[in-house]
Amino acid sequence: MLLASYDTPMNPYGPAIDQLRPYKGTLSGEKEWQKPSYNNGPPSSKYPILALEDNIIDDSGKGLKKGFYEIRISENKDFLLFVQSGVIKAKVPVVFYESYKKKEVKQNLSDKEIAKKMKKEAKEAKKDAYKYRRGENPKDIVFNDIKMYFDDKNSCWVIIWEADEQKAIGCFRI
């Protein structure tokens, strides 16, 4: 009698299909993230991205070329920065800036009240995790929006930037 050793348990009806194929099969139909354009995924950024379809240049050839720009705001909130591949391509002065962040009032709480508050937050987080287990929690989504248009009345380009509970409006001429 000949004894053989196998890595996988022996099927009395013959080898399973997965054991015969060199690669594991995939489900039929293509998911959105399986398409070639989504292989690397979009870059994660907390700043909005502006796609310029046309060049905005003056007679000497200086200005913004068409492409994708990440719009950031400077540290002191004076300029909107057009960043492409980590390089600042243009600075636009900010005309209007507003922050919607609510100011938290610091309260002197006892240890018991802090523990109670933390327990309540943990319970709400657990509830949210279960509620949004198949999707993305709306609290985790970062809101980004950028609009750019040409104002005929003032003959300038206007940029409306909104991100992370902040709003800034900048304008420039070419």
N, C-alpha and C. Protein backbone atom coordinates (compact mmCIF):
# COMPACT_ATOMS: atom_id res chain seq x y z
N MET A 1 0.84 -1.17 0.00
CA MET A 1 0.00 0.00 0.00
C MET A 1 0.89 1.25 0.00
N LEU A 2 0.52 2.21 -0.85
CA LEU A 2 1.31 3.41 -1.02
C LEU A 2 0.64 4.56 -0.30
N LEU A 3 1.35 5.19 0.57
CA LEU A 3 0.82 6.35 1.28
C LEU A 3 1.41 7.61 0.69
N ALA A 4 0.56 8.62 0.48
CA ALA A 4 1.03 9.89 -0.06
C ALA A 4 0.64 11.01 0.90
N SER A 5 1.47 12.02 0.95
CA SER A 5 1.14 13.15 1.82
C SER A 5 0.77 14.35 0.95
N TYR A 6 -0.26 15.02 1.36
CA TYR A 6 -0.73 16.19 0.63
C TYR A 6 -0.75 17.39 1.57
N ASP A 7 -0.53 18.56 1.00
CA ASP A 7 -0.58 19.78 1.81
C ASP A 7 -2.01 20.12 2.18
N THR A 8 -2.94 19.81 1.29
CA THR A 8 -4.35 20.11 1.54
C THR A 8 -5.10 18.80 1.73
N PRO A 9 -6.22 18.86 2.43
CA PRO A 9 -6.96 17.61 2.63
C PRO A 9 -7.46 17.06 1.28
N MET A 10 -7.51 15.77 1.18
CA MET A 10 -7.89 15.10 -0.07
C MET A 10 -9.40 15.12 -0.22
N ASN A 11 -9.85 15.48 -1.41
CA ASN A 11 -11.27 15.49 -1.73
C ASN A 11 -11.60 14.13 -2.36
N PRO A 12 -12.59 13.42 -1.87
CA PRO A 12 -12.87 12.09 -2.43
C PRO A 12 -13.37 12.16 -3.88
N TYR A 13 -13.84 13.33 -4.32
CA TYR A 13 -14.35 13.46 -5.69
C TYR A 13 -13.32 14.04 -6.64
N GLY A 14 -12.09 14.16 -6.22
CA GLY A 14 -11.03 14.70 -7.06
C GLY A 14 -10.60 16.06 -6.55
N PRO A 15 -9.58 16.65 -7.19
CA PRO A 15 -9.10 17.95 -6.72
C PRO A 15 -10.13 19.05 -6.97
N ALA A 16 -10.13 20.03 -6.08
CA ALA A 16 -11.04 21.17 -6.24
C ALA A 16 -10.54 22.05 -7.38
N ILE A 17 -11.45 22.84 -7.95
CA ILE A 17 -11.10 23.70 -9.08
C ILE A 17 -10.02 24.70 -8.66
N ASP A 18 -10.11 25.22 -7.44
CA ASP A 18 -9.12 26.19 -6.98
C ASP A 18 -7.72 25.57 -6.91
N GLN A 19 -7.63 24.26 -6.70
CA GLN A 19 -6.33 23.61 -6.63
C GLN A 19 -5.73 23.40 -8.02
N LEU A 20 -6.55 23.33 -9.05
CA LEU A 20 -6.06 23.12 -10.41
C LEU A 20 -5.60 24.41 -11.08
N ARG A 21 -6.29 25.54 -10.78
CA ARG A 21 -5.96 26.81 -11.42
C ARG A 21 -4.74 27.45 -10.76
N PRO A 22 -3.85 28.05 -11.57
CA PRO A 22 -2.68 28.69 -10.96
C PRO A 22 -3.03 29.97 -10.19
N TYR A 23 -4.08 30.68 -10.62
CA TYR A 23 -4.48 31.92 -9.95
C TYR A 23 -5.93 31.80 -9.51
N LYS A 24 -6.21 32.40 -8.39
CA LYS A 24 -7.58 32.35 -7.88
C LYS A 24 -8.49 33.18 -8.77
N GLY A 25 -9.67 32.68 -9.03
CA GLY A 25 -10.62 33.39 -9.89
C GLY A 25 -11.22 34.60 -9.20
N THR A 26 -11.69 35.55 -9.98
CA THR A 26 -12.33 36.74 -9.44
C THR A 26 -13.81 36.71 -9.78
N LEU A 27 -14.56 37.51 -9.06
CA LEU A 27 -15.98 37.60 -9.33
C LEU A 27 -16.19 38.24 -10.70
N SER A 28 -17.32 37.89 -11.32
CA SER A 28 -17.61 38.51 -12.62
C SER A 28 -18.01 39.95 -12.40
N GLY A 29 -17.74 40.78 -13.38
CA GLY A 29 -18.04 42.20 -13.25
C GLY A 29 -16.85 42.93 -12.65
N GLU A 30 -16.69 44.15 -13.06
CA GLU A 30 -15.54 44.93 -12.63
C GLU A 30 -15.99 46.01 -11.66
N LYS A 31 -15.37 46.06 -10.53
CA LYS A 31 -15.67 47.10 -9.56
C LYS A 31 -14.99 48.39 -9.98
N GLU A 32 -15.44 49.51 -9.44
CA GLU A 32 -14.90 50.81 -9.82
C GLU A 32 -13.41 50.91 -9.49
N TRP A 33 -13.00 50.38 -8.34
CA TRP A 33 -11.61 50.48 -7.93
C TRP A 33 -10.71 49.48 -8.64
N GLN A 34 -11.28 48.51 -9.40
CA GLN A 34 -10.48 47.54 -10.12
C GLN A 34 -10.09 48.04 -11.51
N LYS A 35 -10.70 49.11 -11.98
CA LYS A 35 -10.38 49.64 -13.31
C LYS A 35 -8.96 50.19 -13.29
N PRO A 36 -8.29 50.17 -14.44
CA PRO A 36 -6.89 50.62 -14.48
C PRO A 36 -6.69 52.06 -14.01
N SER A 37 -7.67 52.93 -14.24
CA SER A 37 -7.49 54.32 -13.84
C SER A 37 -7.57 54.49 -12.33
N TYR A 38 -8.04 53.48 -11.61
CA TYR A 38 -8.17 53.58 -10.17
C TYR A 38 -7.16 52.71 -9.43
N ASN A 39 -6.16 52.17 -10.12
CA ASN A 39 -5.23 51.26 -9.46
C ASN A 39 -4.51 51.91 -8.29
N ASN A 40 -4.06 53.15 -8.45
CA ASN A 40 -3.34 53.81 -7.37
C ASN A 40 -4.25 54.63 -6.48
N GLY A 41 -5.45 54.90 -6.92
CA GLY A 41 -6.40 55.68 -6.14
C GLY A 41 -6.07 57.16 -6.19
N PRO A 42 -7.03 57.99 -5.88
CA PRO A 42 -6.77 59.42 -5.90
C PRO A 42 -5.85 59.82 -4.75
N PRO A 43 -5.06 60.86 -4.93
CA PRO A 43 -4.19 61.27 -3.84
C PRO A 43 -5.00 61.79 -2.67
N SER A 44 -4.61 61.41 -1.47
CA SER A 44 -5.32 61.88 -0.30
C SER A 44 -4.84 63.28 0.04
N SER A 45 -5.77 64.21 0.06
CA SER A 45 -5.41 65.60 0.32
C SER A 45 -6.57 66.26 1.04
N LYS A 46 -6.26 67.12 1.96
CA LYS A 46 -7.32 67.85 2.63
C LYS A 46 -7.58 69.17 1.93
N TYR A 47 -6.89 69.43 0.82
CA TYR A 47 -7.08 70.66 0.06
C TYR A 47 -7.83 70.35 -1.24
N PRO A 48 -8.65 71.28 -1.70
CA PRO A 48 -9.37 71.04 -2.96
C PRO A 48 -8.43 71.13 -4.16
N ILE A 49 -8.80 70.42 -5.23
CA ILE A 49 -8.00 70.39 -6.44
C ILE A 49 -8.77 71.08 -7.55
N LEU A 50 -8.11 72.01 -8.23
CA LEU A 50 -8.70 72.78 -9.32
C LEU A 50 -8.12 72.29 -10.64
N ALA A 51 -8.99 71.99 -11.60
CA ALA A 51 -8.56 71.56 -12.93
C ALA A 51 -8.75 72.73 -13.88
N LEU A 52 -7.64 73.26 -14.39
CA LEU A 52 -7.71 74.34 -15.37
C LEU A 52 -7.72 73.71 -16.76
N GLU A 53 -8.75 74.02 -17.54
CA GLU A 53 -8.87 73.45 -18.87
C GLU A 53 -8.15 74.29 -19.92
N ASP A 54 -7.97 75.57 -19.65
CA ASP A 54 -7.31 76.47 -20.60
C ASP A 54 -6.17 77.19 -19.89
N ASN A 55 -5.21 77.64 -20.70
CA ASN A 55 -4.12 78.44 -20.15
C ASN A 55 -4.61 79.84 -19.79
N ILE A 56 -4.14 80.36 -18.67
CA ILE A 56 -4.42 81.73 -18.28
C ILE A 56 -3.07 82.44 -18.27
N ILE A 57 -2.69 82.96 -19.44
CA ILE A 57 -1.37 83.58 -19.58
C ILE A 57 -1.50 84.95 -20.23
N ASP A 58 -0.49 85.80 -19.99
CA ASP A 58 -0.48 87.13 -20.60
C ASP A 58 0.31 87.09 -21.90
N ASP A 59 0.56 88.25 -22.48
CA ASP A 59 1.25 88.33 -23.77
C ASP A 59 2.70 87.85 -23.70
N SER A 60 3.33 88.00 -22.56
CA SER A 60 4.73 87.57 -22.42
C SER A 60 4.86 86.07 -22.11
N GLY A 61 3.73 85.38 -21.91
CA GLY A 61 3.75 83.94 -21.65
C GLY A 61 3.78 83.57 -20.19
N LYS A 62 3.63 84.56 -19.30
CA LYS A 62 3.62 84.28 -17.87
C LYS A 62 2.18 84.08 -17.42
N GLY A 63 1.99 83.17 -16.47
CA GLY A 63 0.66 82.91 -15.94
C GLY A 63 0.51 81.44 -15.57
N LEU A 64 -0.71 80.95 -15.57
CA LEU A 64 -1.01 79.57 -15.20
C LEU A 64 -1.28 78.74 -16.44
N LYS A 65 -0.58 77.63 -16.55
CA LYS A 65 -0.79 76.71 -17.66
C LYS A 65 -1.91 75.74 -17.27
N LYS A 66 -2.55 75.13 -18.27
CA LYS A 66 -3.63 74.20 -17.96
C LYS A 66 -3.07 72.98 -17.24
N GLY A 67 -3.89 72.42 -16.34
CA GLY A 67 -3.46 71.28 -15.54
C GLY A 67 -4.22 71.24 -14.22
N PHE A 68 -3.73 70.42 -13.31
CA PHE A 68 -4.36 70.25 -12.00
C PHE A 68 -3.53 70.97 -10.94
N TYR A 69 -4.22 71.74 -10.12
CA TYR A 69 -3.56 72.51 -9.07
C TYR A 69 -4.25 72.24 -7.73
N GLU A 70 -3.46 72.03 -6.72
CA GLU A 70 -3.97 71.92 -5.36
C GLU A 70 -3.97 73.33 -4.78
N ILE A 71 -5.13 73.79 -4.31
CA ILE A 71 -5.25 75.15 -3.81
C ILE A 71 -5.15 75.11 -2.28
N ARG A 72 -4.11 75.77 -1.76
CA ARG A 72 -3.91 75.85 -0.31
C ARG A 72 -4.00 77.30 0.12
N ILE A 73 -4.12 77.50 1.41
CA ILE A 73 -4.11 78.86 1.94
C ILE A 73 -2.83 79.01 2.77
N SER A 74 -2.23 80.18 2.71
CA SER A 74 -0.96 80.40 3.42
C SER A 74 -1.20 80.41 4.93
N GLU A 75 -0.11 80.34 5.68
CA GLU A 75 -0.20 80.28 7.14
C GLU A 75 -0.91 81.49 7.73
N ASN A 76 -0.60 82.68 7.23
CA ASN A 76 -1.21 83.89 7.79
C ASN A 76 -2.49 84.30 7.06
N LYS A 77 -3.02 83.42 6.21
CA LYS A 77 -4.30 83.60 5.52
C LYS A 77 -4.31 84.81 4.58
N ASP A 78 -3.14 85.18 4.02
CA ASP A 78 -3.04 86.31 3.11
C ASP A 78 -3.08 85.91 1.64
N PHE A 79 -2.69 84.66 1.33
CA PHE A 79 -2.59 84.23 -0.06
C PHE A 79 -3.22 82.86 -0.27
N LEU A 80 -3.79 82.65 -1.47
CA LEU A 80 -4.17 81.34 -1.94
C LEU A 80 -3.02 80.85 -2.81
N LEU A 81 -2.54 79.65 -2.54
CA LEU A 81 -1.37 79.13 -3.24
C LEU A 81 -1.79 78.06 -4.24
N PHE A 82 -1.35 78.21 -5.49
CA PHE A 82 -1.56 77.20 -6.52
C PHE A 82 -0.35 76.27 -6.47
N VAL A 83 -0.55 75.03 -6.01
CA VAL A 83 0.56 74.09 -5.84
C VAL A 83 0.39 72.95 -6.84
N GLN A 84 1.47 72.67 -7.57
CA GLN A 84 1.46 71.57 -8.52
C GLN A 84 2.70 70.73 -8.29
N SER A 85 2.51 69.47 -7.96
CA SER A 85 3.60 68.53 -7.66
C SER A 85 4.49 69.04 -6.54
N GLY A 86 3.89 69.66 -5.53
CA GLY A 86 4.63 70.14 -4.38
C GLY A 86 5.36 71.46 -4.60
N VAL A 87 5.19 72.08 -5.77
CA VAL A 87 5.85 73.34 -6.07
C VAL A 87 4.80 74.44 -6.20
N ILE A 88 5.04 75.56 -5.54
CA ILE A 88 4.10 76.68 -5.61
C ILE A 88 4.26 77.35 -6.97
N LYS A 89 3.18 77.35 -7.76
CA LYS A 89 3.21 77.92 -9.10
C LYS A 89 2.70 79.36 -9.12
N ALA A 90 1.80 79.71 -8.19
CA ALA A 90 1.26 81.07 -8.16
C ALA A 90 0.74 81.39 -6.77
N LYS A 91 0.74 82.69 -6.44
CA LYS A 91 0.15 83.19 -5.20
C LYS A 91 -0.91 84.20 -5.58
N VAL A 92 -2.11 84.03 -5.00
CA VAL A 92 -3.22 84.94 -5.28
C VAL A 92 -3.60 85.61 -3.97
N PRO A 93 -3.66 86.95 -3.93
CA PRO A 93 -4.02 87.63 -2.68
C PRO A 93 -5.47 87.35 -2.27
N VAL A 94 -5.67 87.19 -0.97
CA VAL A 94 -7.00 86.94 -0.41
C VAL A 94 -7.68 88.27 -0.14
N VAL A 95 -8.90 88.43 -0.66
CA VAL A 95 -9.67 89.64 -0.46
C VAL A 95 -10.59 89.50 0.76
N PHE A 96 -11.12 88.27 0.97
CA PHE A 96 -12.05 88.02 2.05
C PHE A 96 -11.73 86.68 2.67
N TYR A 97 -11.70 86.62 4.01
CA TYR A 97 -11.45 85.36 4.72
C TYR A 97 -12.43 85.24 5.87
N GLU A 98 -12.97 84.03 6.06
CA GLU A 98 -13.92 83.78 7.15
C GLU A 98 -13.70 82.37 7.68
N SER A 99 -13.77 82.22 8.98
CA SER A 99 -13.64 80.91 9.61
C SER A 99 -14.94 80.58 10.35
N TYR A 100 -15.44 79.36 10.12
CA TYR A 100 -16.70 78.93 10.73
C TYR A 100 -16.49 78.10 11.99
N LYS A 101 -15.26 77.91 12.40
CA LYS A 101 -14.99 77.05 13.54
C LYS A 101 -15.62 77.63 14.80
N LYS A 102 -16.27 76.76 15.53
CA LYS A 102 -16.89 77.17 16.79
C LYS A 102 -15.83 77.20 17.88
N LYS A 103 -15.85 78.22 18.66
CA LYS A 103 -14.92 78.31 19.77
C LYS A 103 -15.46 77.49 20.92
N GLU A 104 -14.62 76.60 21.42
CA GLU A 104 -15.03 75.77 22.53
C GLU A 104 -14.76 76.50 23.84
N VAL A 105 -15.74 76.47 24.70
CA VAL A 105 -15.59 77.09 26.00
C VAL A 105 -14.99 76.05 26.94
N LYS A 106 -13.87 76.38 27.52
CA LYS A 106 -13.21 75.45 28.40
C LYS A 106 -13.91 75.46 29.76
N GLN A 107 -14.29 74.28 30.19
CA GLN A 107 -14.99 74.16 31.46
C GLN A 107 -14.11 73.38 32.43
N ASN A 108 -14.20 73.75 33.67
CA ASN A 108 -13.50 73.01 34.72
C ASN A 108 -14.40 71.87 35.17
N LEU A 109 -14.06 70.66 34.74
CA LEU A 109 -14.86 69.49 35.08
C LEU A 109 -14.11 68.63 36.09
N SER A 110 -14.87 67.96 36.91
CA SER A 110 -14.26 67.04 37.88
C SER A 110 -13.88 65.75 37.15
N ASP A 111 -13.11 64.93 37.82
CA ASP A 111 -12.68 63.66 37.23
C ASP A 111 -13.87 62.77 36.91
N LYS A 112 -14.86 62.81 37.76
CA LYS A 112 -16.05 61.99 37.56
C LYS A 112 -16.80 62.43 36.31
N GLU A 113 -16.92 63.75 36.11
CA GLU A 113 -17.63 64.28 34.95
C GLU A 113 -16.85 64.00 33.66
N ILE A 114 -15.52 64.09 33.73
CA ILE A 114 -14.69 63.78 32.56
C ILE A 114 -14.84 62.32 32.16
N ALA A 115 -14.83 61.42 33.15
CA ALA A 115 -14.99 59.98 32.87
C ALA A 115 -16.37 59.71 32.27
N LYS A 116 -17.38 60.37 32.78
CA LYS A 116 -18.74 60.20 32.26
C LYS A 116 -18.82 60.69 30.81
N LYS A 117 -18.19 61.83 30.53
CA LYS A 117 -18.19 62.39 29.19
C LYS A 117 -17.45 61.46 28.21
N MET A 118 -16.30 60.94 28.64
CA MET A 118 -15.53 60.03 27.79
C MET A 118 -16.30 58.74 27.50
N LYS A 119 -17.01 58.24 28.51
CA LYS A 119 -17.80 57.02 28.34
C LYS A 119 -18.92 57.26 27.33
N LYS A 120 -19.56 58.44 27.42
CA LYS A 120 -20.64 58.78 26.48
C LYS A 120 -20.10 58.91 25.05
N GLU A 121 -18.93 59.55 24.88
CA GLU A 121 -18.32 59.70 23.55
C GLU A 121 -17.94 58.34 22.96
N ALA A 122 -17.43 57.44 23.82
CA ALA A 122 -17.05 56.11 23.35
C ALA A 122 -18.28 55.33 22.90
N LYS A 123 -19.37 55.48 23.64
CA LYS A 123 -20.62 54.80 23.28
C LYS A 123 -21.16 55.32 21.95
N GLU A 124 -21.09 56.65 21.75
CA GLU A 124 -21.55 57.23 20.48
C GLU A 124 -20.65 56.81 19.32
N ALA A 125 -19.35 56.71 19.56
CA ALA A 125 -18.42 56.28 18.51
C ALA A 125 -18.68 54.83 18.11
N LYS A 126 -18.99 54.00 19.10
CA LYS A 126 -19.29 52.60 18.81
C LYS A 126 -20.59 52.49 18.02
N LYS A 127 -21.58 53.31 18.39
CA LYS A 127 -22.86 53.33 17.69
C LYS A 127 -22.67 53.78 16.23
N ASP A 128 -21.84 54.83 16.03
CA ASP A 128 -21.58 55.33 14.68
C ASP A 128 -20.82 54.30 13.84
N ALA A 129 -19.87 53.60 14.48
CA ALA A 129 -19.10 52.59 13.75
C ALA A 129 -20.02 51.48 13.25
N TYR A 130 -20.99 51.09 14.06
CA TYR A 130 -21.93 50.06 13.63
C TYR A 130 -22.87 50.60 12.56
N LYS A 131 -23.33 51.82 12.74
CA LYS A 131 -24.29 52.41 11.81
C LYS A 131 -23.68 52.59 10.41
N TYR A 132 -22.41 53.00 10.35
CA TYR A 132 -21.76 53.25 9.07
C TYR A 132 -20.74 52.17 8.72
N ARG A 133 -20.99 50.94 9.14
CA ARG A 133 -20.02 49.86 8.92
C ARG A 133 -19.83 49.54 7.44
N ARG A 134 -20.82 49.82 6.61
CA ARG A 134 -20.71 49.52 5.18
C ARG A 134 -20.43 50.76 4.34
N GLY A 135 -20.36 51.89 4.96
CA GLY A 135 -20.12 53.12 4.24
C GLY A 135 -19.19 54.03 5.03
N GLU A 136 -19.07 55.23 4.55
CA GLU A 136 -18.17 56.18 5.20
C GLU A 136 -18.97 57.07 6.15
N ASN A 137 -18.42 57.27 7.33
CA ASN A 137 -19.07 58.10 8.32
C ASN A 137 -19.04 59.56 7.85
N PRO A 138 -20.18 60.24 7.81
CA PRO A 138 -20.18 61.63 7.34
C PRO A 138 -19.33 62.56 8.19
N LYS A 139 -19.09 62.21 9.45
CA LYS A 139 -18.26 63.04 10.31
C LYS A 139 -16.79 62.99 9.87
N ASP A 140 -16.39 61.90 9.17
CA ASP A 140 -15.01 61.73 8.75
C ASP A 140 -14.72 62.37 7.39
N ILE A 141 -15.76 62.78 6.68
CA ILE A 141 -15.57 63.36 5.35
C ILE A 141 -15.12 64.81 5.49
N VAL A 142 -14.05 65.15 4.78
CA VAL A 142 -13.54 66.51 4.78
C VAL A 142 -14.16 67.25 3.60
N PHE A 143 -14.80 68.38 3.87
CA PHE A 143 -15.45 69.14 2.83
C PHE A 143 -14.44 70.06 2.15
N ASN A 144 -14.31 69.91 0.84
CA ASN A 144 -13.43 70.76 0.04
C ASN A 144 -14.22 71.27 -1.17
N ASP A 145 -14.07 72.53 -1.49
CA ASP A 145 -14.73 73.07 -2.67
C ASP A 145 -13.92 74.23 -3.20
N ILE A 146 -13.81 74.30 -4.51
CA ILE A 146 -13.09 75.39 -5.15
C ILE A 146 -13.85 75.79 -6.41
N LYS A 147 -14.04 77.07 -6.59
CA LYS A 147 -14.69 77.59 -7.79
C LYS A 147 -13.84 78.72 -8.33
N MET A 148 -13.73 78.79 -9.64
CA MET A 148 -12.96 79.85 -10.27
C MET A 148 -13.72 80.31 -11.50
N TYR A 149 -13.88 81.63 -11.62
CA TYR A 149 -14.58 82.18 -12.79
C TYR A 149 -14.03 83.56 -13.10
N PHE A 150 -14.33 84.03 -14.33
CA PHE A 150 -13.88 85.35 -14.76
C PHE A 150 -15.00 86.34 -14.55
N ASP A 151 -14.72 87.42 -13.82
CA ASP A 151 -15.70 88.47 -13.56
C ASP A 151 -15.53 89.56 -14.62
N ASP A 152 -16.52 89.69 -15.51
CA ASP A 152 -16.44 90.67 -16.59
C ASP A 152 -16.50 92.10 -16.08
N LYS A 153 -17.28 92.33 -15.04
CA LYS A 153 -17.47 93.68 -14.51
C LYS A 153 -16.15 94.28 -14.01
N ASN A 154 -15.38 93.48 -13.26
CA ASN A 154 -14.10 93.95 -12.70
C ASN A 154 -12.90 93.51 -13.53
N SER A 155 -13.16 92.74 -14.57
CA SER A 155 -12.13 92.16 -15.46
C SER A 155 -11.00 91.49 -14.67
N CYS A 156 -11.39 90.53 -13.81
CA CYS A 156 -10.40 89.76 -13.04
C CYS A 156 -10.93 88.35 -12.82
N TRP A 157 -10.01 87.45 -12.48
CA TRP A 157 -10.36 86.08 -12.13
C TRP A 157 -10.66 86.02 -10.64
N VAL A 158 -11.76 85.37 -10.28
CA VAL A 158 -12.18 85.25 -8.88
C VAL A 158 -12.12 83.78 -8.48
N ILE A 159 -11.53 83.52 -7.32
CA ILE A 159 -11.42 82.16 -6.78
C ILE A 159 -12.15 82.13 -5.45
N ILE A 160 -13.09 81.19 -5.32
CA ILE A 160 -13.80 80.98 -4.05
C ILE A 160 -13.34 79.63 -3.51
N TRP A 161 -12.65 79.66 -2.38
CA TRP A 161 -12.04 78.48 -1.77
C TRP A 161 -12.74 78.18 -0.46
N GLU A 162 -13.21 76.93 -0.29
CA GLU A 162 -13.83 76.50 0.96
C GLU A 162 -13.23 75.16 1.35
N ALA A 163 -12.74 75.07 2.56
CA ALA A 163 -12.18 73.81 3.06
C ALA A 163 -12.08 73.88 4.58
N ASP A 164 -12.43 72.76 5.21
CA ASP A 164 -12.21 72.61 6.65
C ASP A 164 -12.79 73.78 7.45
N GLU A 165 -14.06 74.09 7.21
CA GLU A 165 -14.78 75.15 7.92
C GLU A 165 -14.14 76.53 7.76
N GLN A 166 -13.53 76.77 6.60
CA GLN A 166 -12.94 78.06 6.29
C GLN A 166 -13.38 78.47 4.89
N LYS A 167 -13.44 79.76 4.66
CA LYS A 167 -13.79 80.27 3.33
C LYS A 167 -12.90 81.46 3.02
N ALA A 168 -12.37 81.47 1.80
CA ALA A 168 -11.51 82.57 1.36
C ALA A 168 -11.85 82.91 -0.08
N ILE A 169 -11.83 84.20 -0.41
CA ILE A 169 -12.07 84.66 -1.77
C ILE A 169 -10.85 85.46 -2.18
N GLY A 170 -10.30 85.09 -3.35
CA GLY A 170 -9.15 85.80 -3.89
C GLY A 170 -9.41 86.20 -5.32
N CYS A 171 -8.70 87.22 -5.79
CA CYS A 171 -8.85 87.62 -7.19
C CYS A 171 -7.50 88.07 -7.75
N PHE A 172 -7.35 87.90 -9.07
CA PHE A 172 -6.12 88.32 -9.74
C PHE A 172 -6.42 88.67 -11.19
N ARG A 173 -5.52 89.45 -11.77
CA ARG A 173 -5.62 89.85 -13.18
C ARG A 173 -4.40 89.36 -13.92
N ILE A 174 -4.60 89.08 -15.17
CA ILE A 174 -3.48 88.68 -16.04
C ILE A 174 -3.28 89.75 -17.08
